[in-house]
Amino acid sequence: MDVLMLFGDANSVVIFTKTSCCMSQSIKTLLRRFLVNPTIHEIDRLPNGKQIEKVLTFVGGSNQIMSLNIQ
């Protein structure tokens, strides 16, 4: 869980996704239409992406990768 906290910043909307996820593209477009500028982390491009994927799977309770976190 601590690995996700490393990616936290002042932005209250954070998206964890993979570059190939078509759903994340839709979510990004929708949020931007509402003038929300989310922080986006494409985990397949990160050196510790596999570790983040495992944590997201554990936290989310499924094997879906895209995770939208709003604080």
N, C-alpha and C. Protein backbone atom coordinates (compact mmCIF):
# COMPACT_ATOMS: atom_id res chain seq x y z
N MET A 1 0.82 -1.19 0.00
CA MET A 1 0.00 0.00 0.00
C MET A 1 0.87 1.26 0.00
N ASP A 2 2.01 1.18 0.65
CA ASP A 2 2.91 2.34 0.72
C ASP A 2 3.37 2.78 -0.65
N VAL A 3 3.47 1.83 -1.57
CA VAL A 3 3.94 2.17 -2.91
C VAL A 3 2.97 3.14 -3.59
N LEU A 4 1.69 3.04 -3.31
CA LEU A 4 0.71 3.97 -3.90
C LEU A 4 0.85 5.36 -3.30
N MET A 5 1.21 5.42 -2.03
CA MET A 5 1.36 6.71 -1.37
C MET A 5 2.51 7.52 -1.97
N LEU A 6 3.49 6.85 -2.53
CA LEU A 6 4.60 7.54 -3.17
C LEU A 6 4.16 8.36 -4.36
N PHE A 7 3.05 7.96 -4.97
CA PHE A 7 2.57 8.64 -6.16
C PHE A 7 1.55 9.73 -5.85
N GLY A 8 1.22 9.90 -4.58
CA GLY A 8 0.29 10.94 -4.18
C GLY A 8 0.92 12.31 -4.37
N ASP A 9 0.11 13.27 -4.71
CA ASP A 9 0.60 14.64 -4.83
C ASP A 9 -0.54 15.57 -4.47
N ALA A 10 -0.40 16.82 -4.79
CA ALA A 10 -1.42 17.81 -4.45
C ALA A 10 -2.71 17.60 -5.24
N ASN A 11 -2.63 16.88 -6.34
CA ASN A 11 -3.82 16.64 -7.15
C ASN A 11 -4.70 15.62 -6.45
N SER A 12 -6.00 15.90 -6.38
CA SER A 12 -6.90 15.00 -5.67
C SER A 12 -7.49 13.92 -6.58
N VAL A 13 -7.19 13.96 -7.88
CA VAL A 13 -7.67 12.92 -8.80
C VAL A 13 -6.46 12.24 -9.42
N VAL A 14 -6.33 10.95 -9.15
CA VAL A 14 -5.18 10.17 -9.64
C VAL A 14 -5.70 8.94 -10.35
N ILE A 15 -5.15 8.68 -11.54
CA ILE A 15 -5.53 7.50 -12.33
C ILE A 15 -4.31 6.61 -12.49
N PHE A 16 -4.48 5.33 -12.15
CA PHE A 16 -3.47 4.32 -12.43
C PHE A 16 -4.02 3.46 -13.55
N THR A 17 -3.26 3.30 -14.61
CA THR A 17 -3.75 2.57 -15.77
C THR A 17 -2.59 1.97 -16.56
N LYS A 18 -2.93 1.28 -17.63
CA LYS A 18 -1.95 0.82 -18.60
C LYS A 18 -2.20 1.57 -19.90
N THR A 19 -1.16 1.70 -20.70
CA THR A 19 -1.29 2.47 -21.94
C THR A 19 -2.30 1.85 -22.90
N SER A 20 -2.54 0.56 -22.79
CA SER A 20 -3.44 -0.13 -23.72
C SER A 20 -4.90 -0.12 -23.27
N CYS A 21 -5.21 0.49 -22.15
CA CYS A 21 -6.57 0.45 -21.59
C CYS A 21 -7.46 1.50 -22.27
N CYS A 22 -8.45 1.03 -23.02
CA CYS A 22 -9.35 1.94 -23.71
C CYS A 22 -10.30 2.64 -22.74
N MET A 23 -10.63 2.01 -21.63
CA MET A 23 -11.53 2.62 -20.65
C MET A 23 -10.87 3.83 -20.00
N SER A 24 -9.58 3.74 -19.74
CA SER A 24 -8.91 4.88 -19.11
C SER A 24 -8.91 6.09 -20.03
N GLN A 25 -8.81 5.87 -21.32
CA GLN A 25 -8.87 6.98 -22.28
C GLN A 25 -10.22 7.69 -22.18
N SER A 26 -11.28 6.91 -22.06
CA SER A 26 -12.63 7.48 -21.92
C SER A 26 -12.76 8.28 -20.63
N ILE A 27 -12.23 7.73 -19.54
CA ILE A 27 -12.29 8.42 -18.24
C ILE A 27 -11.49 9.71 -18.29
N LYS A 28 -10.30 9.68 -18.89
CA LYS A 28 -9.48 10.89 -18.99
C LYS A 28 -10.21 11.97 -19.78
N THR A 29 -10.84 11.58 -20.89
CA THR A 29 -11.58 12.53 -21.71
C THR A 29 -12.76 13.12 -20.94
N LEU A 30 -13.49 12.27 -20.24
CA LEU A 30 -14.63 12.73 -19.45
C LEU A 30 -14.20 13.72 -18.36
N LEU A 31 -13.16 13.39 -17.63
CA LEU A 31 -12.69 14.28 -16.57
C LEU A 31 -12.22 15.61 -17.12
N ARG A 32 -11.53 15.59 -18.23
CA ARG A 32 -11.03 16.83 -18.82
C ARG A 32 -12.17 17.71 -19.33
N ARG A 33 -13.27 17.11 -19.76
CA ARG A 33 -14.44 17.89 -20.16
C ARG A 33 -15.04 18.65 -18.98
N PHE A 34 -14.85 18.11 -17.78
CA PHE A 34 -15.31 18.78 -16.56
C PHE A 34 -14.21 19.66 -15.96
N LEU A 35 -13.18 19.92 -16.77
CA LEU A 35 -12.06 20.77 -16.37
C LEU A 35 -11.28 20.21 -15.18
N VAL A 36 -11.24 18.89 -15.09
CA VAL A 36 -10.44 18.22 -14.07
C VAL A 36 -9.16 17.76 -14.77
N ASN A 37 -8.05 18.05 -14.16
CA ASN A 37 -6.76 17.67 -14.73
C ASN A 37 -6.14 16.59 -13.83
N PRO A 38 -6.46 15.31 -14.10
CA PRO A 38 -5.98 14.25 -13.23
C PRO A 38 -4.48 13.97 -13.40
N THR A 39 -3.88 13.45 -12.34
CA THR A 39 -2.54 12.91 -12.43
C THR A 39 -2.68 11.48 -12.95
N ILE A 40 -1.95 11.14 -14.00
CA ILE A 40 -2.09 9.83 -14.64
C ILE A 40 -0.77 9.09 -14.55
N HIS A 41 -0.84 7.86 -14.03
CA HIS A 41 0.34 7.00 -13.94
C HIS A 41 0.07 5.76 -14.79
N GLU A 42 0.80 5.62 -15.88
CA GLU A 42 0.68 4.44 -16.74
C GLU A 42 1.69 3.41 -16.22
N ILE A 43 1.16 2.42 -15.50
CA ILE A 43 2.03 1.53 -14.74
C ILE A 43 2.90 0.63 -15.62
N ASP A 44 2.48 0.40 -16.87
CA ASP A 44 3.34 -0.42 -17.73
C ASP A 44 4.57 0.34 -18.21
N ARG A 45 4.65 1.63 -17.91
CA ARG A 45 5.82 2.43 -18.27
C ARG A 45 6.70 2.75 -17.06
N LEU A 46 6.28 2.30 -15.90
CA LEU A 46 7.03 2.58 -14.68
C LEU A 46 7.94 1.39 -14.33
N PRO A 47 9.12 1.66 -13.79
CA PRO A 47 10.03 0.57 -13.43
C PRO A 47 9.45 -0.37 -12.37
N ASN A 48 8.64 0.14 -11.47
CA ASN A 48 8.03 -0.69 -10.43
C ASN A 48 6.56 -0.96 -10.74
N GLY A 49 6.21 -0.97 -12.01
CA GLY A 49 4.83 -1.16 -12.44
C GLY A 49 4.19 -2.46 -12.00
N LYS A 50 4.95 -3.54 -12.01
CA LYS A 50 4.41 -4.84 -11.58
C LYS A 50 4.03 -4.81 -10.10
N GLN A 51 4.84 -4.16 -9.29
CA GLN A 51 4.55 -4.04 -7.87
C GLN A 51 3.28 -3.21 -7.67
N ILE A 52 3.15 -2.12 -8.39
CA ILE A 52 1.96 -1.27 -8.29
C ILE A 52 0.73 -2.05 -8.74
N GLU A 53 0.87 -2.82 -9.81
CA GLU A 53 -0.25 -3.63 -10.31
C GLU A 53 -0.73 -4.61 -9.24
N LYS A 54 0.19 -5.24 -8.53
CA LYS A 54 -0.18 -6.18 -7.47
C LYS A 54 -0.94 -5.47 -6.35
N VAL A 55 -0.47 -4.30 -5.97
CA VAL A 55 -1.14 -3.54 -4.91
C VAL A 55 -2.54 -3.12 -5.35
N LEU A 56 -2.67 -2.64 -6.58
CA LEU A 56 -3.98 -2.22 -7.09
C LEU A 56 -4.95 -3.40 -7.16
N THR A 57 -4.44 -4.55 -7.54
CA THR A 57 -5.28 -5.75 -7.59
C THR A 57 -5.75 -6.12 -6.18
N PHE A 58 -4.86 -6.01 -5.21
CA PHE A 58 -5.21 -6.31 -3.82
C PHE A 58 -6.23 -5.30 -3.29
N VAL A 59 -5.98 -4.02 -3.50
CA VAL A 59 -6.85 -2.96 -2.99
C VAL A 59 -8.20 -2.99 -3.69
N GLY A 60 -8.19 -3.19 -5.00
CA GLY A 60 -9.43 -3.16 -5.76
C GLY A 60 -10.24 -4.44 -5.69
N GLY A 61 -9.62 -5.53 -5.28
CA GLY A 61 -10.34 -6.79 -5.14
C GLY A 61 -10.63 -7.50 -6.45
N SER A 62 -10.00 -7.07 -7.53
CA SER A 62 -10.17 -7.76 -8.80
C SER A 62 -8.90 -7.62 -9.62
N ASN A 63 -8.89 -8.23 -10.78
CA ASN A 63 -7.68 -8.14 -11.61
C ASN A 63 -7.77 -7.00 -12.61
N GLN A 64 -8.71 -6.09 -12.42
CA GLN A 64 -8.80 -4.91 -13.28
C GLN A 64 -7.67 -3.95 -12.90
N ILE A 65 -7.05 -3.38 -13.89
CA ILE A 65 -5.88 -2.54 -13.63
C ILE A 65 -6.25 -1.08 -13.45
N MET A 66 -7.13 -0.55 -14.28
CA MET A 66 -7.43 0.87 -14.16
C MET A 66 -8.03 1.18 -12.81
N SER A 67 -7.48 2.18 -12.17
CA SER A 67 -7.95 2.59 -10.86
C SER A 67 -8.04 4.10 -10.84
N LEU A 68 -9.21 4.60 -10.52
CA LEU A 68 -9.42 6.03 -10.41
C LEU A 68 -9.57 6.35 -8.93
N ASN A 69 -8.69 7.19 -8.41
CA ASN A 69 -8.70 7.54 -7.00
C ASN A 69 -9.01 9.01 -6.86
N ILE A 70 -10.10 9.32 -6.16
CA ILE A 70 -10.50 10.71 -5.94
C ILE A 70 -10.50 10.97 -4.45
N GLN A 71 -9.81 12.02 -4.04
CA GLN A 71 -9.77 12.38 -2.62
C GLN A 71 -10.56 13.64 -2.40
